[in-house]
All heavy atoms as atom14 arrays in JSON, in Angstrom:
{
  "sequence": "EEKEKQRTGIAGLKVGYNRVHGYYIEISRIHSTDVPDNYNR",
  "atom14_mask": [
    [1, 1, 1, 1, 1, 1, 1, 1, 1, 0, 0, 0, 0, 0],
    [1, 1, 1, 1, 1, 1, 1, 1, 1, 0, 0, 0, 0, 0],
    [1, 1, 1, 1, 1, 1, 1, 1, 1, 0, 0, 0, 0, 0],
    [1, 1, 1, 1, 1, 1, 1, 1, 1, 0, 0, 0, 0, 0],
    [1, 1, 1, 1, 1, 1, 1, 1, 1, 0, 0, 0, 0, 0],
    [1, 1, 1, 1, 1, 1, 1, 1, 1, 0, 0, 0, 0, 0],
    [1, 1, 1, 1, 1, 1, 1, 1, 1, 1, 1, 0, 0, 0],
    [1, 1, 1, 1, 1, 1, 1, 0, 0, 0, 0, 0, 0, 0],
    [1, 1, 1, 1, 0, 0, 0, 0, 0, 0, 0, 0, 0, 0],
    [1, 1, 1, 1, 1, 1, 1, 1, 0, 0, 0, 0, 0, 0],
    [1, 1, 1, 1, 1, 0, 0, 0, 0, 0, 0, 0, 0, 0],
    [1, 1, 1, 1, 0, 0, 0, 0, 0, 0, 0, 0, 0, 0],
    [1, 1, 1, 1, 1, 1, 1, 1, 0, 0, 0, 0, 0, 0],
    [1, 1, 1, 1, 1, 1, 1, 1, 1, 0, 0, 0, 0, 0],
    [1, 1, 1, 1, 1, 1, 1, 0, 0, 0, 0, 0, 0, 0],
    [1, 1, 1, 1, 0, 0, 0, 0, 0, 0, 0, 0, 0, 0],
    [1, 1, 1, 1, 1, 1, 1, 1, 1, 1, 1, 1, 0, 0],
    [1, 1, 1, 1, 1, 1, 1, 1, 0, 0, 0, 0, 0, 0],
    [1, 1, 1, 1, 1, 1, 1, 1, 1, 1, 1, 0, 0, 0],
    [1, 1, 1, 1, 1, 1, 1, 0, 0, 0, 0, 0, 0, 0],
    [1, 1, 1, 1, 1, 1, 1, 1, 1, 1, 0, 0, 0, 0],
    [1, 1, 1, 1, 0, 0, 0, 0, 0, 0, 0, 0, 0, 0],
    [1, 1, 1, 1, 1, 1, 1, 1, 1, 1, 1, 1, 0, 0],
    [1, 1, 1, 1, 1, 1, 1, 1, 1, 1, 1, 1, 0, 0],
    [1, 1, 1, 1, 1, 1, 1, 1, 0, 0, 0, 0, 0, 0],
    [1, 1, 1, 1, 1, 1, 1, 1, 1, 0, 0, 0, 0, 0],
    [1, 1, 1, 1, 1, 1, 1, 1, 0, 0, 0, 0, 0, 0],
    [1, 1, 1, 1, 1, 1, 0, 0, 0, 0, 0, 0, 0, 0],
    [1, 1, 1, 1, 1, 1, 1, 1, 1, 1, 1, 0, 0, 0],
    [1, 1, 1, 1, 1, 1, 1, 1, 0, 0, 0, 0, 0, 0],
    [1, 1, 1, 1, 1, 1, 1, 1, 1, 1, 0, 0, 0, 0],
    [1, 1, 1, 1, 1, 1, 0, 0, 0, 0, 0, 0, 0, 0],
    [1, 1, 1, 1, 1, 1, 1, 0, 0, 0, 0, 0, 0, 0],
    [1, 1, 1, 1, 1, 1, 1, 1, 0, 0, 0, 0, 0, 0],
    [1, 1, 1, 1, 1, 1, 1, 0, 0, 0, 0, 0, 0, 0],
    [1, 1, 1, 1, 1, 1, 1, 0, 0, 0, 0, 0, 0, 0],
    [1, 1, 1, 1, 1, 1, 1, 1, 0, 0, 0, 0, 0, 0],
    [1, 1, 1, 1, 1, 1, 1, 1, 0, 0, 0, 0, 0, 0],
    [1, 1, 1, 1, 1, 1, 1, 1, 1, 1, 1, 1, 0, 0],
    [1, 1, 1, 1, 1, 1, 1, 1, 0, 0, 0, 0, 0, 0],
    [1, 1, 1, 1, 1, 1, 1, 1, 1, 1, 1, 0, 0, 0]
  ],
  "atom14_positions": [
    [[29.3, 285.23, 74.39], [28.74, 286.56, 74.66], [27.75, 287.06, 73.59], [26.73, 287.5, 74.09], [30.02, 287.59, 74.58], [29.63, 289.03, 74.99], [30.88, 289.99, 74.97], [31.68, 289.7, 75.83], [30.78, 290.88, 74.1], [0.0, 0.0, 0.0], [0.0, 0.0, 0.0], [0.0, 0.0, 0.0], [0.0, 0.0, 0.0], [0.0, 0.0, 0.0]],
    [[27.84, 286.77, 72.37], [26.95, 287.17, 71.44], [25.68, 286.32, 71.57], [24.49, 286.84, 71.55], [27.47, 286.97, 69.99], [26.62, 287.42, 68.93], [26.38, 288.94, 68.94], [27.29, 289.65, 69.39], [25.24, 289.44, 68.66], [0.0, 0.0, 0.0], [0.0, 0.0, 0.0], [0.0, 0.0, 0.0], [0.0, 0.0, 0.0], [0.0, 0.0, 0.0]],
    [[25.82, 285.06, 71.96], [24.7, 284.17, 72.1], [23.77, 284.57, 73.23], [22.5, 284.61, 73.28], [25.13, 282.82, 72.3], [23.94, 281.69, 72.35], [24.52, 280.18, 72.43], [25.07, 280.0, 73.88], [25.45, 278.59, 74.01], [0.0, 0.0, 0.0], [0.0, 0.0, 0.0], [0.0, 0.0, 0.0], [0.0, 0.0, 0.0], [0.0, 0.0, 0.0]],
    [[24.52, 284.92, 74.42], [23.85, 285.36, 75.6], [23.1, 286.63, 75.41], [22.1, 286.87, 76.09], [24.8, 285.32, 76.81], [25.29, 283.96, 77.2], [24.12, 283.12, 77.68], [23.31, 283.43, 78.5], [23.95, 281.89, 77.02], [0.0, 0.0, 0.0], [0.0, 0.0, 0.0], [0.0, 0.0, 0.0], [0.0, 0.0, 0.0], [0.0, 0.0, 0.0]],
    [[23.81, 287.6, 74.72], [23.05, 288.79, 74.49], [21.73, 288.66, 73.82], [20.77, 289.34, 74.15], [24.07, 289.77, 73.61], [25.17, 290.43, 74.24], [26.04, 291.2, 73.34], [27.1, 291.95, 74.07], [28.03, 292.73, 73.19], [0.0, 0.0, 0.0], [0.0, 0.0, 0.0], [0.0, 0.0, 0.0], [0.0, 0.0, 0.0], [0.0, 0.0, 0.0]],
    [[21.78, 287.8, 72.83], [20.48, 287.58, 72.08], [19.53, 286.8, 72.94], [18.35, 287.09, 72.89], [20.91, 286.72, 70.78], [21.7, 287.37, 69.73], [22.02, 286.61, 68.55], [21.56, 285.48, 68.35], [22.93, 287.12, 67.58], [0.0, 0.0, 0.0], [0.0, 0.0, 0.0], [0.0, 0.0, 0.0], [0.0, 0.0, 0.0], [0.0, 0.0, 0.0]],
    [[19.91, 285.91, 73.74], [19.07, 285.06, 74.55], [18.41, 285.93, 75.64], [17.25, 285.71, 75.94], [19.81, 283.95, 75.16], [18.84, 282.89, 75.93], [19.65, 281.67, 76.26], [20.61, 281.8, 77.34], [20.27, 281.52, 78.62], [19.04, 281.18, 78.99], [21.17, 281.62, 79.61], [0.0, 0.0, 0.0], [0.0, 0.0, 0.0], [0.0, 0.0, 0.0]],
    [[19.21, 286.83, 76.2], [18.74, 287.59, 77.42], [18.15, 289.04, 76.97], [17.34, 289.55, 77.81], [19.76, 287.82, 78.33], [20.9, 288.59, 77.84], [20.46, 286.64, 78.9], [0.0, 0.0, 0.0], [0.0, 0.0, 0.0], [0.0, 0.0, 0.0], [0.0, 0.0, 0.0], [0.0, 0.0, 0.0], [0.0, 0.0, 0.0], [0.0, 0.0, 0.0]],
    [[18.62, 289.4, 75.82], [18.11, 290.7, 75.42], [18.89, 291.82, 76.02], [18.44, 292.99, 76.01], [0.0, 0.0, 0.0], [0.0, 0.0, 0.0], [0.0, 0.0, 0.0], [0.0, 0.0, 0.0], [0.0, 0.0, 0.0], [0.0, 0.0, 0.0], [0.0, 0.0, 0.0], [0.0, 0.0, 0.0], [0.0, 0.0, 0.0], [0.0, 0.0, 0.0]],
    [[20.0, 291.51, 76.66], [20.79, 292.57, 77.43], [21.91, 293.0, 76.56], [23.06, 292.13, 76.45], [21.24, 292.02, 78.78], [20.06, 291.55, 79.7], [22.09, 292.98, 79.58], [20.45, 290.85, 80.98], [0.0, 0.0, 0.0], [0.0, 0.0, 0.0], [0.0, 0.0, 0.0], [0.0, 0.0, 0.0], [0.0, 0.0, 0.0], [0.0, 0.0, 0.0]],
    [[21.97, 294.11, 75.99], [22.99, 294.51, 75.09], [24.34, 294.78, 75.69], [25.38, 294.66, 75.07], [22.52, 295.75, 74.29], [0.0, 0.0, 0.0], [0.0, 0.0, 0.0], [0.0, 0.0, 0.0], [0.0, 0.0, 0.0], [0.0, 0.0, 0.0], [0.0, 0.0, 0.0], [0.0, 0.0, 0.0], [0.0, 0.0, 0.0], [0.0, 0.0, 0.0]],
    [[24.3, 295.16, 77.07], [25.56, 295.49, 77.61], [26.26, 294.28, 78.33], [27.19, 294.43, 79.11], [0.0, 0.0, 0.0], [0.0, 0.0, 0.0], [0.0, 0.0, 0.0], [0.0, 0.0, 0.0], [0.0, 0.0, 0.0], [0.0, 0.0, 0.0], [0.0, 0.0, 0.0], [0.0, 0.0, 0.0], [0.0, 0.0, 0.0], [0.0, 0.0, 0.0]],
    [[25.7, 293.13, 78.02], [26.28, 291.85, 78.73], [27.75, 291.58, 78.16], [28.06, 291.81, 76.93], [25.38, 290.66, 78.41], [25.85, 289.29, 78.92], [24.47, 288.48, 79.15], [26.72, 288.56, 77.95], [0.0, 0.0, 0.0], [0.0, 0.0, 0.0], [0.0, 0.0, 0.0], [0.0, 0.0, 0.0], [0.0, 0.0, 0.0], [0.0, 0.0, 0.0]],
    [[28.59, 291.33, 79.2], [29.99, 291.06, 78.73], [30.52, 289.73, 79.36], [30.07, 289.44, 80.51], [30.94, 292.19, 79.22], [30.72, 293.58, 78.67], [31.6, 294.66, 79.18], [31.32, 296.05, 78.57], [32.15, 297.03, 79.2], [0.0, 0.0, 0.0], [0.0, 0.0, 0.0], [0.0, 0.0, 0.0], [0.0, 0.0, 0.0], [0.0, 0.0, 0.0]],
    [[31.37, 288.98, 78.62], [31.97, 287.76, 79.03], [33.49, 288.15, 79.34], [34.18, 288.73, 78.38], [31.88, 286.66, 78.13], [32.58, 285.47, 78.74], [30.49, 286.39, 77.98], [0.0, 0.0, 0.0], [0.0, 0.0, 0.0], [0.0, 0.0, 0.0], [0.0, 0.0, 0.0], [0.0, 0.0, 0.0], [0.0, 0.0, 0.0], [0.0, 0.0, 0.0]],
    [[34.07, 287.89, 80.52], [35.37, 288.23, 80.93], [36.08, 287.26, 81.71], [35.61, 286.25, 82.03], [0.0, 0.0, 0.0], [0.0, 0.0, 0.0], [0.0, 0.0, 0.0], [0.0, 0.0, 0.0], [0.0, 0.0, 0.0], [0.0, 0.0, 0.0], [0.0, 0.0, 0.0], [0.0, 0.0, 0.0], [0.0, 0.0, 0.0], [0.0, 0.0, 0.0]],
    [[37.32, 287.69, 82.22], [38.09, 286.7, 83.02], [39.09, 287.54, 83.87], [39.56, 288.53, 83.48], [38.9, 285.82, 82.02], [40.01, 285.01, 82.76], [39.7, 283.81, 83.45], [41.38, 285.51, 82.87], [40.7, 283.1, 84.18], [42.26, 284.76, 83.59], [42.04, 283.64, 84.17], [42.95, 282.92, 84.88], [0.0, 0.0, 0.0], [0.0, 0.0, 0.0]],
    [[39.19, 287.11, 85.18], [40.29, 287.6, 85.92], [40.81, 286.36, 86.75], [40.25, 285.4, 86.99], [39.84, 288.74, 86.89], [38.91, 288.32, 87.96], [39.02, 287.22, 88.38], [37.95, 289.23, 88.27], [0.0, 0.0, 0.0], [0.0, 0.0, 0.0], [0.0, 0.0, 0.0], [0.0, 0.0, 0.0], [0.0, 0.0, 0.0], [0.0, 0.0, 0.0]],
    [[42.13, 286.67, 87.2], [42.87, 285.47, 87.76], [42.22, 285.05, 89.17], [42.4, 283.97, 89.55], [44.37, 286.04, 88.02], [45.14, 286.17, 86.81], [46.59, 286.38, 87.11], [47.38, 286.51, 85.81], [48.72, 286.6, 85.83], [49.38, 286.7, 86.92], [49.35, 286.7, 84.73], [0.0, 0.0, 0.0], [0.0, 0.0, 0.0], [0.0, 0.0, 0.0]],
    [[41.55, 285.95, 89.86], [40.98, 285.69, 91.15], [39.74, 284.79, 91.0], [39.57, 283.71, 91.66], [40.74, 286.92, 91.92], [40.1, 286.53, 93.35], [42.01, 287.69, 92.2], [0.0, 0.0, 0.0], [0.0, 0.0, 0.0], [0.0, 0.0, 0.0], [0.0, 0.0, 0.0], [0.0, 0.0, 0.0], [0.0, 0.0, 0.0], [0.0, 0.0, 0.0]],
    [[38.69, 285.35, 90.21], [37.42, 284.72, 90.14], [37.25, 283.82, 88.97], [36.26, 283.26, 88.75], [36.31, 285.73, 90.21], [36.34, 286.6, 91.51], [36.98, 287.74, 91.72], [35.77, 286.24, 92.72], [36.8, 288.2, 92.96], [36.11, 287.27, 93.65], [0.0, 0.0, 0.0], [0.0, 0.0, 0.0], [0.0, 0.0, 0.0], [0.0, 0.0, 0.0]],
    [[38.2, 283.94, 88.01], [38.11, 283.02, 86.81], [37.15, 283.81, 85.72], [37.06, 284.99, 85.62], [0.0, 0.0, 0.0], [0.0, 0.0, 0.0], [0.0, 0.0, 0.0], [0.0, 0.0, 0.0], [0.0, 0.0, 0.0], [0.0, 0.0, 0.0], [0.0, 0.0, 0.0], [0.0, 0.0, 0.0], [0.0, 0.0, 0.0], [0.0, 0.0, 0.0]],
    [[36.38, 282.94, 85.09], [35.59, 283.39, 83.88], [34.13, 283.88, 84.53], [33.7, 283.27, 85.45], [35.37, 282.44, 82.77], [36.59, 282.1, 81.99], [37.5, 281.11, 82.4], [36.94, 282.9, 80.87], [38.75, 280.86, 81.6], [38.16, 282.64, 80.17], [38.98, 281.62, 80.55], [40.16, 281.52, 79.82], [0.0, 0.0, 0.0], [0.0, 0.0, 0.0]],
    [[33.57, 284.91, 83.83], [32.24, 285.39, 84.34], [31.67, 286.03, 83.26], [32.08, 286.44, 82.16], [32.5, 286.42, 85.5], [33.5, 287.53, 85.03], [32.92, 288.67, 84.41], [34.88, 287.6, 85.31], [33.81, 289.7, 83.95], [35.57, 288.54, 84.93], [35.04, 289.74, 84.23], [35.9, 290.75, 83.76], [0.0, 0.0, 0.0], [0.0, 0.0, 0.0]],
    [[30.22, 286.17, 83.5], [29.36, 287.08, 82.73], [28.84, 288.19, 83.55], [28.32, 288.14, 84.61], [28.15, 286.3, 82.26], [28.47, 285.09, 81.36], [27.14, 287.15, 81.43], [27.31, 284.12, 81.06], [0.0, 0.0, 0.0], [0.0, 0.0, 0.0], [0.0, 0.0, 0.0], [0.0, 0.0, 0.0], [0.0, 0.0, 0.0], [0.0, 0.0, 0.0]],
    [[29.28, 289.51, 82.95], [29.0, 290.66, 83.72], [27.75, 291.44, 83.22], [27.63, 291.57, 81.9], [30.13, 291.55, 83.7], [30.07, 292.91, 84.53], [31.28, 293.69, 84.57], [32.25, 293.23, 85.19], [31.26, 294.85, 83.98], [0.0, 0.0, 0.0], [0.0, 0.0, 0.0], [0.0, 0.0, 0.0], [0.0, 0.0, 0.0], [0.0, 0.0, 0.0]],
    [[26.81, 291.72, 84.19], [25.74, 292.46, 83.81], [25.41, 293.67, 84.77], [25.62, 293.52, 85.94], [24.34, 291.55, 83.9], [24.56, 290.4, 82.83], [23.13, 292.3, 83.59], [23.41, 289.33, 83.03], [0.0, 0.0, 0.0], [0.0, 0.0, 0.0], [0.0, 0.0, 0.0], [0.0, 0.0, 0.0], [0.0, 0.0, 0.0], [0.0, 0.0, 0.0]],
    [[25.08, 294.76, 84.12], [24.99, 295.95, 85.0], [23.78, 295.84, 85.97], [22.82, 295.05, 85.57], [24.76, 297.25, 84.11], [23.56, 297.14, 83.3], [0.0, 0.0, 0.0], [0.0, 0.0, 0.0], [0.0, 0.0, 0.0], [0.0, 0.0, 0.0], [0.0, 0.0, 0.0], [0.0, 0.0, 0.0], [0.0, 0.0, 0.0], [0.0, 0.0, 0.0]],
    [[23.64, 296.55, 87.06], [22.65, 296.31, 87.97], [21.3, 296.76, 87.51], [20.25, 296.24, 87.94], [22.99, 297.26, 89.2], [24.06, 296.57, 90.08], [24.13, 297.31, 91.52], [25.08, 296.49, 92.28], [24.76, 296.16, 93.46], [23.58, 296.26, 93.94], [25.68, 295.42, 94.16], [0.0, 0.0, 0.0], [0.0, 0.0, 0.0], [0.0, 0.0, 0.0]],
    [[21.19, 297.63, 86.47], [19.91, 298.1, 86.05], [19.17, 296.95, 85.31], [17.98, 296.97, 85.03], [20.07, 299.33, 85.1], [20.93, 299.03, 83.87], [20.54, 300.6, 85.81], [21.01, 300.23, 82.85], [0.0, 0.0, 0.0], [0.0, 0.0, 0.0], [0.0, 0.0, 0.0], [0.0, 0.0, 0.0], [0.0, 0.0, 0.0], [0.0, 0.0, 0.0]],
    [[19.95, 295.94, 84.83], [19.37, 294.72, 84.17], [19.31, 293.53, 85.11], [19.13, 292.4, 84.58], [20.16, 294.38, 82.94], [20.07, 295.4, 81.91], [19.03, 295.67, 81.19], [21.15, 296.24, 81.42], [19.32, 296.6, 80.27], [20.53, 297.04, 80.45], [0.0, 0.0, 0.0], [0.0, 0.0, 0.0], [0.0, 0.0, 0.0], [0.0, 0.0, 0.0]],
    [[19.47, 293.76, 86.47], [19.55, 292.55, 87.39], [18.3, 291.72, 87.37], [18.26, 290.48, 87.75], [19.8, 293.11, 88.8], [18.91, 293.97, 89.19], [0.0, 0.0, 0.0], [0.0, 0.0, 0.0], [0.0, 0.0, 0.0], [0.0, 0.0, 0.0], [0.0, 0.0, 0.0], [0.0, 0.0, 0.0], [0.0, 0.0, 0.0], [0.0, 0.0, 0.0]],
    [[17.01, 292.37, 87.01], [15.78, 291.63, 86.97], [15.7, 290.87, 85.72], [14.78, 289.93, 85.71], [14.74, 292.69, 86.99], [14.66, 293.67, 86.05], [14.61, 293.41, 88.41], [0.0, 0.0, 0.0], [0.0, 0.0, 0.0], [0.0, 0.0, 0.0], [0.0, 0.0, 0.0], [0.0, 0.0, 0.0], [0.0, 0.0, 0.0], [0.0, 0.0, 0.0]],
    [[16.53, 291.09, 84.75], [16.43, 290.3, 83.49], [17.39, 289.07, 83.55], [17.51, 288.42, 82.55], [16.88, 291.18, 82.42], [15.86, 292.36, 82.24], [14.64, 292.21, 82.5], [16.25, 293.5, 81.88], [0.0, 0.0, 0.0], [0.0, 0.0, 0.0], [0.0, 0.0, 0.0], [0.0, 0.0, 0.0], [0.0, 0.0, 0.0], [0.0, 0.0, 0.0]],
    [[18.07, 288.78, 84.61], [18.95, 287.68, 84.61], [18.32, 286.35, 84.56], [17.32, 286.12, 85.34], [19.85, 287.71, 86.01], [20.78, 286.62, 86.18], [20.75, 289.04, 85.95], [0.0, 0.0, 0.0], [0.0, 0.0, 0.0], [0.0, 0.0, 0.0], [0.0, 0.0, 0.0], [0.0, 0.0, 0.0], [0.0, 0.0, 0.0], [0.0, 0.0, 0.0]],
    [[18.74, 285.43, 83.73], [18.06, 284.0, 83.63], [18.34, 283.28, 84.8], [19.19, 283.57, 85.59], [18.77, 283.57, 82.31], [19.3, 284.52, 81.67], [19.7, 285.62, 82.59], [0.0, 0.0, 0.0], [0.0, 0.0, 0.0], [0.0, 0.0, 0.0], [0.0, 0.0, 0.0], [0.0, 0.0, 0.0], [0.0, 0.0, 0.0], [0.0, 0.0, 0.0]],
    [[17.47, 282.21, 84.92], [17.47, 281.4, 86.16], [18.72, 280.6, 86.35], [19.14, 280.2, 87.41], [16.46, 280.38, 86.26], [15.02, 281.22, 86.4], [14.94, 282.31, 86.86], [13.88, 280.74, 85.98], [0.0, 0.0, 0.0], [0.0, 0.0, 0.0], [0.0, 0.0, 0.0], [0.0, 0.0, 0.0], [0.0, 0.0, 0.0], [0.0, 0.0, 0.0]],
    [[19.4, 280.24, 85.14], [20.54, 279.39, 85.21], [21.97, 280.17, 85.35], [22.93, 279.61, 85.38], [20.67, 278.68, 83.89], [21.06, 279.44, 82.66], [20.66, 280.64, 82.51], [21.7, 278.81, 81.7], [0.0, 0.0, 0.0], [0.0, 0.0, 0.0], [0.0, 0.0, 0.0], [0.0, 0.0, 0.0], [0.0, 0.0, 0.0], [0.0, 0.0, 0.0]],
    [[21.72, 281.46, 85.65], [22.84, 282.33, 86.04], [23.15, 282.21, 87.59], [22.2, 282.57, 88.35], [22.64, 283.74, 85.63], [22.99, 284.13, 84.24], [22.6, 283.29, 83.16], [23.56, 285.44, 83.89], [22.96, 283.59, 81.84], [23.84, 285.66, 82.55], [23.48, 284.8, 81.49], [23.86, 285.06, 80.22], [0.0, 0.0, 0.0], [0.0, 0.0, 0.0]],
    [[24.28, 281.85, 87.95], [24.66, 281.8, 89.32], [25.69, 282.98, 89.72], [26.65, 283.14, 89.01], [25.31, 280.39, 89.72], [24.48, 279.31, 89.46], [23.29, 279.32, 89.95], [25.01, 278.29, 88.74], [0.0, 0.0, 0.0], [0.0, 0.0, 0.0], [0.0, 0.0, 0.0], [0.0, 0.0, 0.0], [0.0, 0.0, 0.0], [0.0, 0.0, 0.0]],
    [[25.34, 283.66, 90.81], [26.1, 284.92, 91.07], [27.47, 284.43, 91.5], [27.65, 283.55, 92.42], [25.34, 285.72, 92.26], [26.06, 287.0, 92.53], [25.33, 287.81, 93.54], [24.19, 288.46, 92.94], [22.94, 288.08, 92.95], [22.63, 287.03, 93.7], [21.97, 288.67, 92.4], [0.0, 0.0, 0.0], [0.0, 0.0, 0.0], [0.0, 0.0, 0.0]]
  ]
}
């Protein structure tokens, strides 16, 4: 999480987990244009 915040410059980036979808990186919609190319929705 800390590494991805520094790489993307998105301070609100979070890494989490739930039983249905597994592990994920969550980014608010206002930063959707800043998502790197290697991020798969």
